[in-house]
Protein backbone atom coordinates (compact mmCIF):
# COMPACT_ATOMS: atom_id res chain seq x y z
CA MET A 1 43.15 105.99 97.05
CA ALA A 2 42.82 103.70 94.05
CA ILE A 3 42.05 100.06 94.84
CA TYR A 4 44.57 97.56 93.48
CA LYS A 5 44.44 93.81 93.25
CA THR A 6 44.92 92.28 96.69
CA TYR A 7 47.99 90.38 97.83
CA ILE A 8 48.86 86.80 96.86
CA THR A 9 49.60 83.89 99.20
CA ILE A 10 52.64 81.66 98.69
CA ASP A 11 54.05 78.59 100.45
CA ILE A 12 57.43 78.32 102.16
CA THR A 13 59.15 76.75 99.12
CA LYS A 14 58.79 80.08 97.28
CA ALA A 15 59.56 82.38 100.21
CA PHE A 16 63.10 83.18 99.11
CA GLU A 17 62.35 83.83 95.45
CA ASP A 18 62.38 87.31 94.00
CA PHE A 19 61.23 89.40 96.99
CA ASP A 20 62.92 92.68 97.86
CA ASN A 21 62.18 92.32 101.59
CA ILE A 22 60.76 89.71 103.92
CA ILE A 23 58.75 91.42 106.67
CA ASP A 24 58.19 89.80 110.06
CA VAL A 25 55.19 91.47 111.69
CA ARG A 26 55.33 89.43 114.91
CA THR A 27 56.39 90.95 118.21
CA PRO A 28 60.06 91.83 118.83
CA SER A 29 60.48 88.91 121.24
CA GLU A 30 59.11 86.46 118.67
CA TYR A 31 61.45 87.89 116.05
CA ASN A 32 64.46 87.69 118.38
CA ASP A 33 63.73 84.03 119.17
CA ASP A 34 63.96 83.17 115.46
CA HIS A 35 62.90 84.52 112.08
CA LEU A 36 63.22 83.81 108.39
CA PRO A 37 66.77 84.55 107.17
CA GLY A 38 67.09 88.15 106.10
CA ALA A 39 63.69 89.17 107.48
CA ILE A 40 63.24 92.67 108.89
CA SER A 41 61.14 93.29 111.99
CA LEU A 42 58.10 95.56 111.52
CA PRO A 43 55.75 94.44 114.31
CA VAL A 44 52.08 95.29 114.03
CA LEU A 45 51.77 94.63 117.77
CA ASN A 46 54.59 94.92 120.26
CA ASP A 47 54.97 92.47 123.14
CA GLU A 48 52.99 94.55 125.63
CA GLU A 49 50.19 95.22 123.13
CA ARG A 50 49.88 91.57 122.16
CA ALA A 51 49.69 90.52 125.84
CA ARG A 52 47.03 93.16 126.49
CA ILE A 53 44.89 92.02 123.54
CA GLY A 54 45.26 88.41 124.64
CA THR A 55 43.98 89.29 128.10
CA LEU A 56 41.00 91.11 126.58
CA PHE A 57 40.24 88.06 124.43
CA THR A 58 40.09 85.68 127.40
CA GLN A 59 38.73 87.95 130.13
CA VAL A 60 36.36 90.32 128.30
CA SER A 61 35.34 89.14 124.82
CA PRO A 62 36.81 88.17 121.45
CA PHE A 63 34.93 91.06 119.84
CA GLU A 64 36.46 93.68 122.16
CA ALA A 65 39.91 92.18 121.65
CA GLN A 66 39.54 92.26 117.87
CA LYS A 67 38.26 95.83 117.90
CA GLN A 68 41.08 97.19 120.05
CA GLY A 69 43.64 94.96 118.30
CA ALA A 70 42.59 96.30 114.91
CA ALA A 71 43.05 99.87 116.12
CA LEU A 72 46.54 99.12 117.42
CA ILE A 73 47.51 97.23 114.25
CA ALA A 74 46.26 100.06 112.03
CA ARG A 75 48.25 102.66 113.98
CA ASN A 76 51.43 100.57 113.92
CA ILE A 77 51.14 99.88 110.18
CA ALA A 78 50.61 103.59 109.56
CA ARG A 79 53.77 104.35 111.54
CA HIS A 80 55.76 101.81 109.49
CA LEU A 81 54.48 103.41 106.28
CA ASP A 82 55.57 106.84 107.51
CA GLU A 83 58.96 105.66 108.76
CA SER A 84 60.56 102.38 107.68
CA LEU A 85 58.70 102.06 104.38
CA HIS A 86 58.61 105.72 103.44
CA SER A 87 61.26 105.51 100.73
CA GLN A 88 60.08 102.33 99.01
CA GLN A 89 59.37 102.77 95.29
CA LYS A 90 56.41 101.54 93.24
CA ASN A 91 58.15 98.35 92.06
CA TRP A 92 59.02 97.16 95.60
CA ARG A 93 58.00 93.52 96.28
CA PRO A 94 57.52 92.54 99.95
CA LEU A 95 56.71 89.17 101.52
CA VAL A 96 54.86 89.40 104.84
CA TYR A 97 54.48 86.78 107.54
CA CYS A 98 53.32 86.37 111.14
CA TRP A 99 53.01 83.34 113.42
CA ARG A 100 50.50 81.27 111.40
CA GLY A 101 49.60 83.46 108.44
CA GLY A 102 46.65 84.98 110.25
CA MET A 103 45.30 88.40 111.14
CA ARG A 104 48.58 90.22 111.77
CA SER A 105 50.19 89.45 108.42
CA SER A 106 46.88 89.66 106.56
CA ALA A 107 46.35 93.21 107.79
CA MET A 108 49.85 94.33 106.79
CA ALA A 109 49.73 92.52 103.43
CA HIS A 110 46.31 93.99 102.59
CA ILE A 111 47.38 97.57 103.25
CA LEU A 112 50.68 97.22 101.39
CA ALA A 113 48.82 95.75 98.42
CA GLN A 114 46.33 98.62 98.49
CA VAL A 115 49.20 101.09 98.30
CA GLY A 116 50.16 99.43 95.04
CA TRP A 117 53.05 97.18 95.98
CA LYS A 118 53.08 93.59 94.68
CA THR A 119 52.70 91.96 98.06
CA ALA A 120 52.70 88.32 99.11
CA GLN A 121 51.76 86.67 102.40
CA LEU A 122 53.48 83.51 103.62
CA SER A 123 50.94 80.72 103.99
CA GLY A 124 51.20 79.19 107.45
CA GLY A 125 53.54 81.95 108.59
CA TYR A 126 56.59 81.32 110.77
CA LYS A 127 55.06 78.04 111.99
CA ALA A 128 55.23 76.63 108.43
CA TYR A 129 58.80 77.89 108.05
CA ARG A 130 59.87 76.29 111.32
CA ARG A 131 58.34 72.96 110.32
CA HIS A 132 60.13 73.20 106.97
CA VAL A 133 63.50 73.78 108.70
CA ILE A 134 62.99 70.86 111.10
CA ASP A 135 61.92 68.48 108.34
CA THR A 136 64.64 69.56 105.90
CA LEU A 137 67.45 69.29 108.45
CA GLN A 138 66.59 65.63 108.92
CA THR A 139 67.64 64.87 105.33
CA LEU A 140 69.58 67.83 103.89
CA PRO A 141 72.96 67.04 105.54
CA GLN A 142 72.89 63.56 104.00
CA GLN A 143 73.11 65.10 100.52
CA PHE A 144 76.62 66.45 101.16
CA HIS A 145 80.14 65.08 101.33
CA PHE A 146 81.59 66.49 104.55
CA GLU A 147 85.29 66.73 105.36
CA VAL A 148 85.89 67.22 109.07
CA ILE A 149 88.77 69.40 110.29
CA CYS A 150 90.18 67.69 113.38
CA GLY A 151 92.90 68.87 115.69
CA ALA A 152 93.64 69.38 119.35
CA THR A 153 92.64 72.64 121.04
CA GLY A 154 94.66 75.57 119.74
CA THR A 155 95.71 74.14 116.38
CA GLY A 156 93.88 76.81 114.37
CA LYS A 157 90.92 74.81 113.05
CA SER A 158 88.58 77.82 112.93
CA ARG A 159 91.26 79.90 111.21
CA LEU A 160 91.70 77.16 108.62
CA LEU A 161 87.96 77.18 107.95
CA HIS A 162 88.18 80.93 107.37
CA SER A 163 91.09 80.44 104.97
CA LEU A 164 89.14 77.77 103.09
CA SER A 165 86.11 80.05 102.84
CA GLN A 166 88.27 82.84 101.43
CA ARG A 167 89.29 80.45 98.65
CA GLY A 168 85.72 79.71 97.67
CA ALA A 169 85.37 76.42 99.53
CA GLN A 170 82.03 75.49 101.05
CA VAL A 171 82.38 75.93 104.82
CA LEU A 172 79.86 75.26 107.57
CA ASP A 173 81.31 77.02 110.63
CA LEU A 174 79.16 75.80 113.50
CA GLU A 175 81.05 77.80 116.13
CA ALA A 176 80.46 81.03 114.21
CA LEU A 177 76.77 80.21 113.77
CA ALA A 178 76.47 79.31 117.47
CA MET A 179 78.55 82.32 118.58
CA HIS A 180 80.65 80.07 120.80
CA ARG A 181 84.11 78.49 120.56
CA GLY A 182 82.84 75.11 121.60
CA SER A 183 84.57 74.56 124.94
CA LEU A 184 84.19 75.36 128.62
CA PHE A 185 85.91 78.68 127.93
CA GLY A 186 84.13 79.21 124.62
CA ASN A 187 81.66 81.99 125.48
CA LEU A 188 82.44 85.03 123.36
CA PRO A 189 82.88 88.23 125.41
CA ASP A 190 79.75 90.38 125.61
CA GLN A 191 77.89 88.13 123.16
CA LYS A 192 74.92 85.92 123.94
CA GLN A 193 74.36 82.70 122.06
CA PRO A 194 71.31 82.62 119.77
CA SER A 195 68.30 80.45 120.50
CA GLN A 196 68.30 76.81 119.41
CA LYS A 197 65.75 77.71 116.73
CA THR A 198 67.98 80.46 115.35
CA PHE A 199 71.00 78.13 115.36
CA GLU A 200 69.07 75.58 113.32
CA SER A 201 67.82 78.29 110.97
CA ARG A 202 71.38 79.46 110.38
CA ILE A 203 72.58 75.92 109.62
CA TRP A 204 69.69 75.35 107.22
CA ASN A 205 70.22 78.70 105.53
CA VAL A 206 73.90 77.94 104.85
CA LEU A 207 73.37 74.38 103.64
CA ARG A 208 70.53 75.29 101.27
CA THR A 209 72.91 77.47 99.25
CA PHE A 210 75.61 74.79 98.85
CA ASN A 211 76.34 72.64 95.82
CA THR A 212 75.89 68.96 96.69
CA SER A 213 78.62 67.96 94.21
CA ARG A 214 81.31 69.85 96.16
CA PRO A 215 82.73 69.02 99.62
CA VAL A 216 81.65 70.88 102.74
CA TYR A 217 84.37 71.59 105.31
CA ILE A 218 83.31 71.55 108.93
CA GLU A 219 85.16 71.54 112.25
CA ALA A 220 84.91 68.49 114.49
CA GLU A 221 82.40 69.34 117.22
CA SER A 222 80.74 67.51 120.05
CA ARG A 223 76.96 67.28 120.27
CA LYS A 224 76.85 70.60 122.14
CA VAL A 225 78.32 73.94 121.08
CA GLY A 226 77.94 75.91 124.27
CA VAL A 227 74.28 75.53 125.24
CA LEU A 228 73.19 74.67 121.70
CA THR A 229 72.72 71.21 120.22
CA VAL A 230 73.93 70.16 116.76
CA PRO A 231 71.01 68.58 114.81
CA ASN A 232 71.21 64.78 114.94
CA SER A 233 71.32 64.21 111.20
CA LEU A 234 74.20 66.66 110.75
CA LEU A 235 76.06 65.21 113.72
CA GLU A 236 75.81 61.70 112.30
CA CYS A 237 77.10 62.89 108.90
CA MET A 238 80.05 64.57 110.62
CA ARG A 239 80.94 61.50 112.63
CA SER A 240 81.02 59.24 109.59
CA ALA A 241 82.89 61.71 107.36
CA MET A 242 86.49 61.78 106.17
CA CYS A 243 88.82 63.56 108.62
CA ILE A 244 91.61 66.05 108.04
CA GLY A 245 94.00 66.37 110.99
CA ILE A 246 95.93 69.49 112.01
CA GLU A 247 98.95 69.20 114.30
CA ALA A 248 101.10 72.00 115.71
CA PRO A 249 103.81 72.47 118.37
CA GLU A 250 102.71 73.18 121.92
CA GLU A 251 104.35 76.61 121.93
CA ALA A 252 102.38 77.71 118.86
CA ARG A 253 99.14 76.39 120.30
CA VAL A 254 99.67 78.21 123.60
CA GLN A 255 100.32 81.46 121.75
CA LEU A 256 97.19 81.09 119.62
CA LEU A 257 95.02 80.39 122.65
CA MET A 258 96.40 83.41 124.49
CA GLU A 259 95.39 85.50 121.48
CA ASP A 260 91.92 83.99 121.04
CA TYR A 261 91.09 84.02 124.76
CA ALA A 262 92.74 87.32 125.67
CA HIS A 263 89.54 88.44 127.43
CA PHE A 264 90.27 85.89 130.19
CA LEU A 265 93.71 87.39 130.75
CA CYS A 266 91.97 90.67 131.58
CA ASN A 267 89.36 89.06 133.84
CA LYS A 268 90.96 86.67 136.31
CA GLU A 269 87.71 86.30 138.29
CA LEU A 270 85.89 85.02 135.21
CA LEU A 271 88.76 82.63 134.48
CA ALA A 272 88.67 81.31 138.05
CA GLU A 273 84.92 80.82 137.75
CA ARG A 274 85.38 78.72 134.59
CA LEU A 275 88.24 76.73 136.12
CA SER A 276 86.09 75.90 139.13
CA LEU A 277 83.78 73.94 136.84
CA LEU A 278 86.62 71.43 136.35
CA VAL A 279 86.86 70.51 140.05
CA GLU A 280 84.97 67.25 139.58
CA LEU A 281 87.45 66.12 136.91
CA HIS A 282 90.73 67.34 138.42
CA GLY A 283 90.10 67.92 142.13
CA HIS A 284 90.38 71.00 144.32
CA LYS A 285 94.16 70.83 144.67
CA VAL A 286 94.82 71.10 140.93
CA ILE A 287 92.16 73.76 140.36
CA ASP A 288 93.45 75.86 143.27
CA ARG A 289 96.94 75.71 141.80
CA TRP A 290 95.67 76.74 138.37
CA CYS A 291 93.80 79.67 139.92
CA GLU A 292 96.99 80.72 141.72
CA MET A 293 98.88 80.57 138.42
CA ALA A 294 96.23 82.83 136.90
CA LYS A 295 96.52 85.31 139.78
CA GLY A 296 100.27 85.36 139.23
CA GLU A 297 99.75 85.82 135.49
CA GLU A 298 101.72 82.68 134.71
CA TRP A 299 99.79 82.45 131.46
CA GLN A 300 102.01 80.30 129.28
CA PRO A 301 102.61 77.51 131.83
CA LEU A 302 98.93 77.60 132.82
CA VAL A 303 97.70 77.22 129.25
CA ALA A 304 100.28 74.52 128.55
CA GLU A 305 99.16 72.56 131.60
CA LEU A 306 95.49 72.93 130.69
CA LEU A 307 96.29 71.49 127.27
CA ALA A 308 98.38 68.60 128.60
CA LYS A 309 96.12 67.59 131.50
CA HIS A 310 92.64 68.48 130.32
CA TYR A 311 92.12 69.31 126.66
CA ASP A 312 94.49 66.90 124.89
CA PRO A 313 93.34 63.74 126.70
CA ALA A 314 89.70 64.73 126.17
CA TYR A 315 90.37 65.42 122.48
CA ARG A 316 92.03 62.06 121.87
CA HIS A 317 89.26 60.15 123.63
CA SER A 318 86.44 62.05 121.91
CA SER A 319 87.98 61.88 118.44
CA TYR A 320 88.57 58.12 118.45
CA ALA A 321 85.19 57.45 120.08
CA ASN A 322 83.05 59.68 117.87
CA PHE A 323 84.68 60.09 114.45
CA ARG A 324 84.82 56.76 112.68
CA GLN A 325 87.47 57.76 110.12
CA PHE A 326 89.68 59.67 112.56
CA LYS A 327 92.40 57.01 112.60
CA ASP A 328 92.77 57.40 108.82
CA ALA A 329 92.86 61.20 108.82
CA LYS A 330 95.12 63.02 106.38
CA ILE A 331 97.53 64.89 108.68
CA PHE A 332 98.98 68.36 108.12
CA LYS A 333 101.84 69.18 110.48
CA LEU A 334 102.34 72.93 110.98
CA THR A 335 105.54 74.45 112.31
CA ARG A 336 103.68 77.69 113.02
CA ILE A 337 99.98 78.55 113.16
CA ASP A 338 100.10 81.61 110.93
CA SER A 339 98.46 82.80 107.72
CA GLU A 340 101.21 81.38 105.52
CA ASN A 341 100.89 77.85 106.89
CA LEU A 342 97.09 77.84 107.08
CA ASN A 343 96.79 79.28 103.57
CA HIS A 344 99.09 76.54 102.30
CA VAL A 345 96.88 73.84 103.85
CA ALA A 346 93.75 75.49 102.43
CA GLU A 347 95.31 75.75 98.97
CA THR A 348 96.33 72.09 99.11
CA LEU A 349 92.85 70.96 100.08
CA VAL A 350 91.05 73.11 97.51
CA SER A 351 93.44 72.29 94.65
CA HIS A 352 92.85 68.56 95.08
CA LYS A 353 89.07 68.83 94.59
């Protein structure tokens, strides 16, 4: 095999420039916890192999660990070349990273460069990327003009964000990024929320592509979206931003919620479990009655009562307490929460910018 010039090393500020693929060579569990946006997982050691080499390092000797680790890494890289990378052409440009820019990514980058691909290694690895995300999120939100979509539960705020996005508006949908609808009943069926690190990476990745001269639409959220926490700097920008209020009739809101939370209608035990978490606020008598309504499939009166006695009071208190411009919000009153009405609101907002 001919010997080509070795790989180059770049810093995180150039990691998203002109590379065909970003390759994460860490273990699958490290990758699943968080990774650079768009990165593909090609581990040079899997979780079991890395644990085994670590034990050798501490209990036998660093030399024995390095020798056996090198053999495992070489075999895994060879497998990737035969399988995942088999069809890559001569002009392919990969960026490779591991935890700190050490042995794992160096080994992969060296071999890819020897094949003839113009390869780069990320200096500092994932650790440098993570520090960059943390540092940037402390200041990046402050560069934008946010407009916060406010509205009681069931008024179609997330649907409005989608309509705005379809019209080319800049939208930061925290609930979509967090894979959660932002309430006690907000867990999406059969979907696990990402890690806090991944949530922050997703926020950073969206904001870095936005134009600071244009508004960013975002839904009013509390500090927590499910188990995840909104970064402090972003939360503060949201709470001081201009507000846009959405109002809709109770009947329309009940219908929307029955559509969006249909999985609870098919799983009364899960619904009862969620309702039981409200005992401290509403007492056993009320919760027992709500559970009986669920058993009897009295869905519309149950949802209406949840709105009137739980969600609406909480919304009013939270909005006035946390969003400083809420009292001056521009209000859109919908007769129905459908595509026609939401599209009209989106068109009105976009056309005035």
